[in-house]
Amino acid sequence: MRLRKGRHGGVVGAHPPPLDGDWVDEHGRLSQAGRALIQIRRSEGRCPARIAAELGVHRSTVGRELARNTRLGRYHAAAAQVMTEQRRPRPRPSKLAVRADTGVDAGVDAGVDGGAGEVLRAAVLVRLNNRFSPVQVSQDLRRCYPGRDDMQVSHETIYQALYVQGKGSLREELKVEKALRSGRTSRRPRSALPPRSNRSWIGAEAHISHRPPEAADRAVPGHWEGDLVIGAGGRSALITLVERSTRYALIRRLPLTHDATTVAAALVTMMTNLPESLRRSLTWDQGSEMAAHTTFTLATGCPVYFADPHSPWQRGTNENTNGLVRDIHSQGHRLQPRQRRRHHRDRTPPQHPPPPNPQLGHPRR
């Protein structure tokens, strides 16, 4: 027994325990047997809450089921099952997919002409072989084929096609050994990242959430992103700075060490050569090389803001620049002047990809 409040309050009987049966599937959705029980109980005049108690589900589940699948004031289990299956989404093949059984372009099933699908796939492969990143491929296609939806593809679709194994995958047809500059063949879950130790020298006021709003929309120049690119064995390093609005990049080689004092001094030299109007802010990761950021701010008047741990997308422009630098210099080599010239000559692709532009947006998949 239980007490119910309200206009119709009073002592009411408790709901019955759930009945034994396969009323829901493995995902917790109503099965055909569950819908049959709903039809029987509704014909007996039972309320949705009491029916839900017998099924062992929340009463809103039964309420939504009756609201969606009741026709002409009556609920039929067989008709409800058919309508549910018709509403269930059918995954559409990717524009870049190829049927593994026939080798035929699956872009036809995705609403793309078969010939255009082959042209799109070939265009993506050419750019990947020229060391374009998926984002750069997507944006370059928008520049080369404006107004043609059949020649547009999102970077997420390219990533998924690269991560697919077996026949028909993009990686199978690539000429280069590594499809992505990162060298990864699968996504790295954030749960696998190591925990970040405490950074006591980062105050709450230096968090990226306190960065001026004008830096986010890239409308005003003078907001920079920076990082430290370390060579093989930690024996050499580069400081990279990228202006968020113009994508103008500054790169400086550190001769011997890359401790906090050396990095701060090098940053002061790099930034003091700029007009004061172009020293509005600097965004960095939480690396220990920026422990002396207050010294840099006092010398230049440029405040430093720190991104969240393991959040490279908060400094996406600089991360992409670092990827280009590592791709040209071959990660694992010392960043010496002679080697820089040699690697630039040997590894610069025929059509070097332009840096990605967020203003171009994301095309349809």
Protein backbone atom coordinates (compact mmCIF):
# COMPACT_ATOMS: atom_id res chain seq x y z
CA MET A 1 0.00 0.00 0.00
CA ARG A 2 1.12 3.55 -0.64
CA LEU A 3 -0.24 7.05 -0.06
CA ARG A 4 -0.93 9.28 -3.08
CA LYS A 5 -1.26 13.05 -2.73
CA GLY A 6 -3.38 15.44 -4.75
CA ARG A 7 -7.05 15.86 -5.64
CA HIS A 8 -7.44 12.15 -6.23
CA GLY A 9 -5.21 11.21 -3.32
CA GLY A 10 -5.66 8.43 -0.88
CA VAL A 11 -4.37 5.01 -0.17
CA VAL A 12 -3.71 3.06 -3.34
CA GLY A 13 -2.34 -0.39 -3.98
CA ALA A 14 1.29 -0.89 -4.90
CA HIS A 15 2.21 -1.73 -8.49
CA PRO A 16 2.65 -5.44 -9.15
CA PRO A 17 6.18 -6.82 -9.55
CA PRO A 18 7.51 -7.19 -13.12
CA LEU A 19 6.36 -10.25 -14.99
CA ASP A 20 8.85 -12.77 -16.29
CA GLY A 21 9.36 -12.46 -20.04
CA ASP A 22 11.44 -10.95 -22.82
CA TRP A 23 9.64 -7.63 -22.81
CA VAL A 24 12.72 -5.62 -23.89
CA ASP A 25 15.71 -6.39 -26.09
CA GLU A 26 19.38 -6.28 -25.12
CA HIS A 27 19.43 -2.49 -25.63
CA GLY A 28 16.48 -1.87 -23.31
CA ARG A 29 13.99 -1.18 -26.11
CA LEU A 30 10.51 -2.72 -26.20
CA SER A 31 10.35 -6.06 -28.00
CA GLN A 32 7.42 -7.46 -29.96
CA ALA A 33 6.37 -9.47 -26.90
CA GLY A 34 6.39 -6.29 -24.82
CA ARG A 35 4.17 -4.53 -27.33
CA ALA A 36 1.79 -7.49 -27.32
CA LEU A 37 1.47 -7.21 -23.54
CA ILE A 38 0.80 -3.47 -23.87
CA GLN A 39 -2.03 -4.20 -26.32
CA ILE A 40 -3.58 -6.76 -23.95
CA ARG A 41 -3.37 -4.53 -20.90
CA ARG A 42 -4.72 -1.50 -22.75
CA SER A 43 -7.72 -3.52 -23.88
CA GLU A 44 -8.28 -4.34 -20.20
CA GLY A 45 -8.21 -0.63 -19.34
CA ARG A 46 -4.88 -0.60 -17.48
CA CYS A 47 -3.05 2.71 -17.10
CA PRO A 48 0.44 3.21 -18.63
CA ALA A 49 2.12 3.33 -15.20
CA ARG A 50 0.70 -0.06 -14.21
CA ILE A 51 1.64 -1.58 -17.56
CA ALA A 52 5.18 -0.22 -17.19
CA ALA A 53 5.46 -1.85 -13.75
CA GLU A 54 4.57 -5.23 -15.24
CA LEU A 55 7.11 -4.75 -18.04
CA GLY A 56 9.82 -3.57 -15.65
CA VAL A 57 10.37 -0.28 -17.54
CA HIS A 58 9.78 3.38 -16.77
CA ARG A 59 6.25 4.59 -17.34
CA SER A 60 7.48 7.18 -19.84
CA THR A 61 8.61 4.29 -22.07
CA VAL A 62 5.04 3.01 -22.30
CA GLY A 63 3.69 6.55 -22.64
CA ARG A 64 5.95 7.32 -25.61
CA GLU A 65 5.12 3.98 -27.20
CA LEU A 66 1.38 4.68 -27.01
CA ALA A 67 1.82 8.25 -28.27
CA ARG A 68 3.88 7.17 -31.29
CA ASN A 69 2.02 4.07 -32.39
CA THR A 70 -1.64 4.60 -31.50
CA ARG A 71 -3.82 4.95 -34.60
CA LEU A 72 -7.49 5.93 -34.61
CA GLY A 73 -7.58 5.64 -30.85
CA ARG A 74 -6.41 2.01 -30.74
CA TYR A 75 -3.05 0.37 -30.18
CA HIS A 76 -2.11 -2.73 -32.20
CA ALA A 77 1.14 -4.52 -31.34
CA ALA A 78 1.83 -5.84 -34.86
CA ALA A 79 1.27 -2.44 -36.49
CA ALA A 80 3.39 -0.76 -33.80
CA GLN A 81 6.27 -3.16 -34.49
CA VAL A 82 6.11 -2.41 -38.23
CA MET A 83 6.05 1.35 -37.69
CA THR A 84 8.98 1.13 -35.27
CA GLU A 85 11.10 -0.79 -37.77
CA GLN A 86 10.24 1.69 -40.52
CA ARG A 87 11.37 4.61 -38.36
CA ARG A 88 14.64 2.92 -37.47
CA PRO A 89 17.50 4.74 -39.26
CA ARG A 90 19.31 2.94 -42.03
CA PRO A 91 23.03 3.77 -42.20
CA ARG A 92 23.98 5.35 -45.51
CA PRO A 93 27.21 4.21 -47.17
CA SER A 94 30.06 6.68 -47.13
CA LYS A 95 30.92 8.65 -50.25
CA LEU A 96 34.38 7.08 -50.16
CA ALA A 97 33.24 3.52 -49.50
CA VAL A 98 33.72 0.63 -51.93
CA ARG A 99 31.69 -2.53 -51.64
CA ALA A 100 34.09 -5.20 -50.45
CA ASP A 101 32.15 -7.98 -52.23
CA THR A 102 31.97 -6.40 -55.69
CA GLY A 103 34.53 -3.59 -55.64
CA VAL A 104 31.83 -1.26 -57.02
CA ASP A 105 31.73 2.33 -55.86
CA ALA A 106 29.27 2.51 -52.97
CA GLY A 107 28.77 6.23 -53.49
CA VAL A 108 25.77 5.36 -55.68
CA ASP A 109 23.95 4.11 -52.57
CA ALA A 110 24.97 7.31 -50.79
CA GLY A 111 23.22 9.46 -53.39
CA VAL A 112 26.34 10.22 -55.44
CA ASP A 113 26.72 9.43 -59.11
CA GLY A 114 28.99 6.42 -59.61
CA GLY A 115 31.45 8.27 -61.85
CA ALA A 116 31.56 11.28 -59.53
CA GLY A 117 32.16 8.97 -56.58
CA GLU A 118 35.23 7.51 -58.27
CA VAL A 119 36.51 11.00 -59.12
CA LEU A 120 36.02 12.12 -55.51
CA ARG A 121 37.84 9.07 -54.18
CA ALA A 122 40.73 9.64 -56.61
CA ALA A 123 40.95 13.32 -55.65
CA VAL A 124 41.13 12.42 -51.96
CA LEU A 125 43.84 9.81 -52.59
CA VAL A 126 45.98 12.27 -54.59
CA ARG A 127 45.92 14.78 -51.76
CA LEU A 128 46.60 12.20 -49.07
CA ASN A 129 49.59 10.95 -51.06
CA ASN A 130 50.82 14.55 -51.14
CA ARG A 131 50.76 14.60 -47.32
CA PHE A 132 47.56 16.60 -46.95
CA SER A 133 45.75 16.09 -43.66
CA PRO A 134 42.04 15.10 -43.83
CA VAL A 135 41.02 18.64 -42.84
CA GLN A 136 43.23 20.10 -45.58
CA VAL A 137 41.82 17.61 -48.11
CA SER A 138 38.27 18.63 -47.25
CA GLN A 139 38.99 22.34 -47.50
CA ASP A 140 41.06 22.03 -50.68
CA LEU A 141 38.18 20.21 -52.38
CA ARG A 142 35.91 23.09 -51.45
CA ARG A 143 38.33 25.53 -53.07
CA CYS A 144 38.81 23.44 -56.22
CA TYR A 145 35.17 22.38 -56.71
CA PRO A 146 32.94 25.20 -55.44
CA GLY A 147 29.22 24.51 -55.65
CA ARG A 148 29.65 20.79 -56.38
CA ASP A 149 28.19 18.73 -53.56
CA ASP A 150 29.28 15.49 -55.24
CA MET A 151 32.93 16.56 -54.82
CA GLN A 152 32.67 17.57 -51.16
CA VAL A 153 33.50 15.32 -48.24
CA SER A 154 34.01 16.04 -44.56
CA HIS A 155 37.28 15.35 -42.79
CA GLU A 156 35.48 12.94 -40.43
CA THR A 157 34.44 10.79 -43.40
CA ILE A 158 38.07 10.67 -44.54
CA TYR A 159 39.26 9.69 -41.08
CA GLN A 160 36.71 6.88 -40.91
CA ALA A 161 37.74 5.64 -44.35
CA LEU A 162 41.40 5.63 -43.29
CA TYR A 163 40.70 3.71 -40.11
CA VAL A 164 38.76 0.98 -41.95
CA GLN A 165 40.82 -2.16 -42.49
CA GLY A 166 40.68 -4.62 -45.38
CA LYS A 167 39.54 -4.43 -48.98
CA GLY A 168 38.07 -1.14 -50.09
CA SER A 169 39.75 1.02 -47.46
CA LEU A 170 41.55 4.20 -48.44
CA ARG A 171 44.70 3.15 -46.60
CA GLU A 172 44.96 0.07 -48.84
CA GLU A 173 45.32 2.28 -51.93
CA LEU A 174 47.70 4.88 -50.53
CA LYS A 175 51.23 5.05 -51.88
CA VAL A 176 52.68 6.46 -48.66
CA GLU A 177 53.45 4.20 -45.73
CA LYS A 178 51.57 6.30 -43.19
CA ALA A 179 48.20 7.69 -44.20
CA LEU A 180 48.19 10.30 -41.42
CA ARG A 181 51.08 12.50 -40.38
CA SER A 182 50.57 11.35 -36.81
CA GLY A 183 51.24 7.77 -37.94
CA ARG A 184 48.19 6.48 -36.07
CA THR A 185 46.09 3.71 -37.56
CA SER A 186 43.25 4.03 -35.05
CA ARG A 187 41.77 6.65 -32.80
CA ARG A 188 43.38 7.18 -29.43
CA PRO A 189 40.74 7.19 -26.68
CA ARG A 190 41.04 10.01 -24.18
CA SER A 191 40.79 7.47 -21.35
CA ALA A 192 44.18 6.08 -22.46
CA LEU A 193 45.95 9.41 -21.93
CA PRO A 194 48.24 9.68 -18.89
CA PRO A 195 47.05 11.87 -16.02
CA ARG A 196 48.46 15.40 -15.88
CA SER A 197 50.46 16.24 -12.79
CA ASN A 198 49.69 19.37 -10.83
CA ARG A 199 50.88 22.65 -12.37
CA SER A 200 51.16 24.93 -9.35
CA TRP A 201 52.55 27.82 -11.40
CA ILE A 202 49.33 28.07 -13.47
CA GLY A 203 46.93 30.36 -11.64
CA ALA A 204 43.18 30.33 -12.13
CA GLU A 205 43.37 33.67 -13.96
CA ALA A 206 45.69 32.10 -16.57
CA HIS A 207 43.18 29.45 -17.66
CA ILE A 208 42.01 29.60 -21.27
CA SER A 209 38.47 30.34 -20.11
CA HIS A 210 39.69 33.82 -19.11
CA ARG A 211 41.13 34.55 -22.56
CA PRO A 212 39.46 37.56 -24.26
CA PRO A 213 36.41 36.53 -26.32
CA GLU A 214 37.84 38.32 -29.37
CA ALA A 215 40.54 35.63 -29.56
CA ALA A 216 37.99 32.88 -30.13
CA ASP A 217 36.44 34.29 -33.33
CA ARG A 218 39.83 35.27 -34.82
CA ALA A 219 38.44 38.69 -35.78
CA VAL A 220 41.22 40.74 -34.17
CA PRO A 221 44.90 39.97 -34.92
CA GLY A 222 47.41 39.73 -32.14
CA HIS A 223 46.32 36.54 -30.40
CA TRP A 224 48.95 33.80 -30.70
CA GLU A 225 49.25 30.09 -30.07
CA GLY A 226 52.61 28.60 -29.16
CA ASP A 227 54.36 25.34 -28.42
CA LEU A 228 57.75 23.68 -28.12
CA VAL A 229 58.75 21.10 -30.76
CA ILE A 230 61.48 18.83 -29.39
CA GLY A 231 63.87 16.86 -31.59
CA ALA A 232 65.40 13.42 -31.10
CA GLY A 233 66.61 12.71 -27.59
CA GLY A 234 65.64 16.18 -26.42
CA ARG A 235 68.92 17.57 -27.77
CA SER A 236 67.30 20.24 -29.94
CA ALA A 237 64.04 22.16 -29.94
CA LEU A 238 62.03 24.74 -31.86
CA ILE A 239 59.61 27.36 -30.57
CA THR A 240 56.62 27.77 -32.89
CA LEU A 241 54.22 30.72 -32.68
CA VAL A 242 51.17 31.10 -34.93
CA GLU A 243 48.89 34.12 -35.06
CA ARG A 244 45.27 32.94 -34.92
CA SER A 245 43.79 35.47 -37.34
CA THR A 246 46.39 35.64 -40.14
CA ARG A 247 48.09 32.23 -39.56
CA TYR A 248 51.42 34.08 -39.63
CA ALA A 249 54.05 31.79 -38.07
CA LEU A 250 57.27 32.52 -36.19
CA ILE A 251 59.79 29.71 -35.62
CA ARG A 252 62.95 30.00 -33.53
CA ARG A 253 65.54 27.30 -32.81
CA LEU A 254 66.84 26.92 -29.27
CA PRO A 255 70.59 26.25 -29.36
CA LEU A 256 71.24 24.05 -26.33
CA THR A 257 68.59 23.74 -23.63
CA HIS A 258 64.85 24.27 -23.54
CA ASP A 259 64.22 24.91 -19.84
CA ALA A 260 61.71 27.49 -18.63
CA THR A 261 64.25 30.33 -18.39
CA THR A 262 65.61 29.74 -21.90
CA VAL A 263 62.14 29.48 -23.41
CA ALA A 264 60.96 32.67 -21.71
CA ALA A 265 64.02 34.60 -22.95
CA ALA A 266 63.53 33.35 -26.51
CA LEU A 267 59.84 34.26 -26.46
CA VAL A 268 60.67 37.76 -25.24
CA THR A 269 63.05 38.21 -28.18
CA MET A 270 60.46 36.92 -30.65
CA MET A 271 57.56 39.02 -29.36
CA THR A 272 59.32 42.32 -28.67
CA ASN A 273 60.09 42.64 -32.38
CA LEU A 274 56.32 42.88 -33.01
CA PRO A 275 54.16 45.99 -32.61
CA GLU A 276 52.37 46.25 -29.29
CA SER A 277 48.99 45.89 -31.03
CA LEU A 278 50.03 42.39 -32.15
CA ARG A 279 50.87 41.22 -28.61
CA ARG A 280 47.38 40.72 -27.20
CA SER A 281 47.63 37.17 -25.83
CA LEU A 282 49.53 33.90 -26.08
CA THR A 283 47.92 30.47 -25.60
CA TRP A 284 50.16 27.56 -24.57
CA ASP A 285 49.72 24.01 -23.38
CA GLN A 286 50.56 23.04 -19.80
CA GLY A 287 54.15 22.09 -20.53
CA SER A 288 56.70 22.88 -17.84
CA GLU A 289 58.75 24.96 -20.31
CA MET A 290 56.31 27.83 -19.62
CA ALA A 291 56.81 27.85 -15.85
CA ALA A 292 58.40 31.32 -16.19
CA HIS A 293 55.44 32.79 -18.07
CA THR A 294 55.15 35.70 -15.61
CA THR A 295 58.64 36.84 -16.61
CA PHE A 296 57.59 36.82 -20.25
CA THR A 297 54.40 38.77 -19.50
CA LEU A 298 56.24 41.45 -17.53
CA ALA A 299 58.74 41.96 -20.37
CA THR A 300 56.26 42.03 -23.26
CA GLY A 301 52.89 42.97 -21.76
CA CYS A 302 51.41 39.88 -23.42
CA PRO A 303 49.37 37.67 -21.06
CA VAL A 304 49.71 33.90 -21.29
CA TYR A 305 46.72 31.56 -21.13
CA PHE A 306 46.95 27.81 -20.71
CA ALA A 307 44.75 25.23 -22.43
CA ASP A 308 43.18 22.31 -20.62
CA PRO A 309 45.28 19.13 -20.27
CA HIS A 310 45.14 16.82 -23.29
CA SER A 311 43.03 19.33 -25.27
CA PRO A 312 44.99 20.06 -28.47
CA TRP A 313 41.86 21.34 -30.25
CA GLN A 314 42.03 24.45 -28.06
CA ARG A 315 45.26 25.29 -29.90
CA GLY A 316 44.39 23.73 -33.23
CA THR A 317 46.21 26.21 -35.46
CA ASN A 318 49.50 25.71 -33.65
CA GLU A 319 49.09 21.93 -33.45
CA ASN A 320 48.61 21.80 -37.22
CA THR A 321 51.71 23.94 -37.74
CA ASN A 322 53.70 21.62 -35.50
CA GLY A 323 52.52 18.69 -37.59
CA LEU A 324 53.77 20.38 -40.75
CA VAL A 325 57.12 21.13 -39.09
CA ARG A 326 57.56 17.54 -37.93
CA ASP A 327 56.48 16.19 -41.31
CA ILE A 328 59.11 18.28 -43.12
CA HIS A 329 61.90 17.63 -40.63
CA SER A 330 61.13 13.93 -40.02
CA GLN A 331 60.32 13.27 -36.40
CA GLY A 332 63.25 11.51 -34.79
CA HIS A 333 65.98 13.78 -36.25
CA ARG A 334 67.82 16.60 -34.59
CA LEU A 335 66.54 20.02 -35.62
CA GLN A 336 69.84 21.44 -36.92
CA PRO A 337 70.09 24.08 -39.69
CA ARG A 338 71.78 21.78 -42.24
CA GLN A 339 69.28 18.99 -41.60
CA ARG A 340 66.40 21.44 -41.85
CA ARG A 341 67.47 22.44 -45.35
CA ARG A 342 68.00 18.84 -46.44
CA HIS A 343 64.66 17.62 -45.08
CA HIS A 344 62.84 20.55 -46.61
CA ARG A 345 64.29 19.69 -50.02
CA ASP A 346 63.61 15.96 -49.73
CA ARG A 347 60.19 15.94 -48.09
CA THR A 348 58.34 18.98 -49.39
CA PRO A 349 55.47 17.58 -51.51
CA PRO A 350 54.85 18.84 -55.05
CA GLN A 351 51.68 20.58 -53.89
CA HIS A 352 52.31 21.54 -50.29
CA PRO A 353 48.97 21.67 -48.45
CA PRO A 354 47.79 25.05 -47.19
CA PRO A 355 47.03 25.37 -43.48
CA PRO A 356 43.39 24.59 -42.64
CA ASN A 357 41.05 27.57 -42.45
CA PRO A 358 38.20 27.32 -39.91
CA GLN A 359 36.24 29.97 -41.82
CA LEU A 360 35.64 27.46 -44.62
CA GLY A 361 33.50 25.37 -42.28
CA HIS A 362 32.74 21.70 -42.72
CA PRO A 363 31.11 20.28 -45.86
CA ARG A 364 28.47 17.65 -45.91
CA ARG A 365 29.52 14.04 -45.60
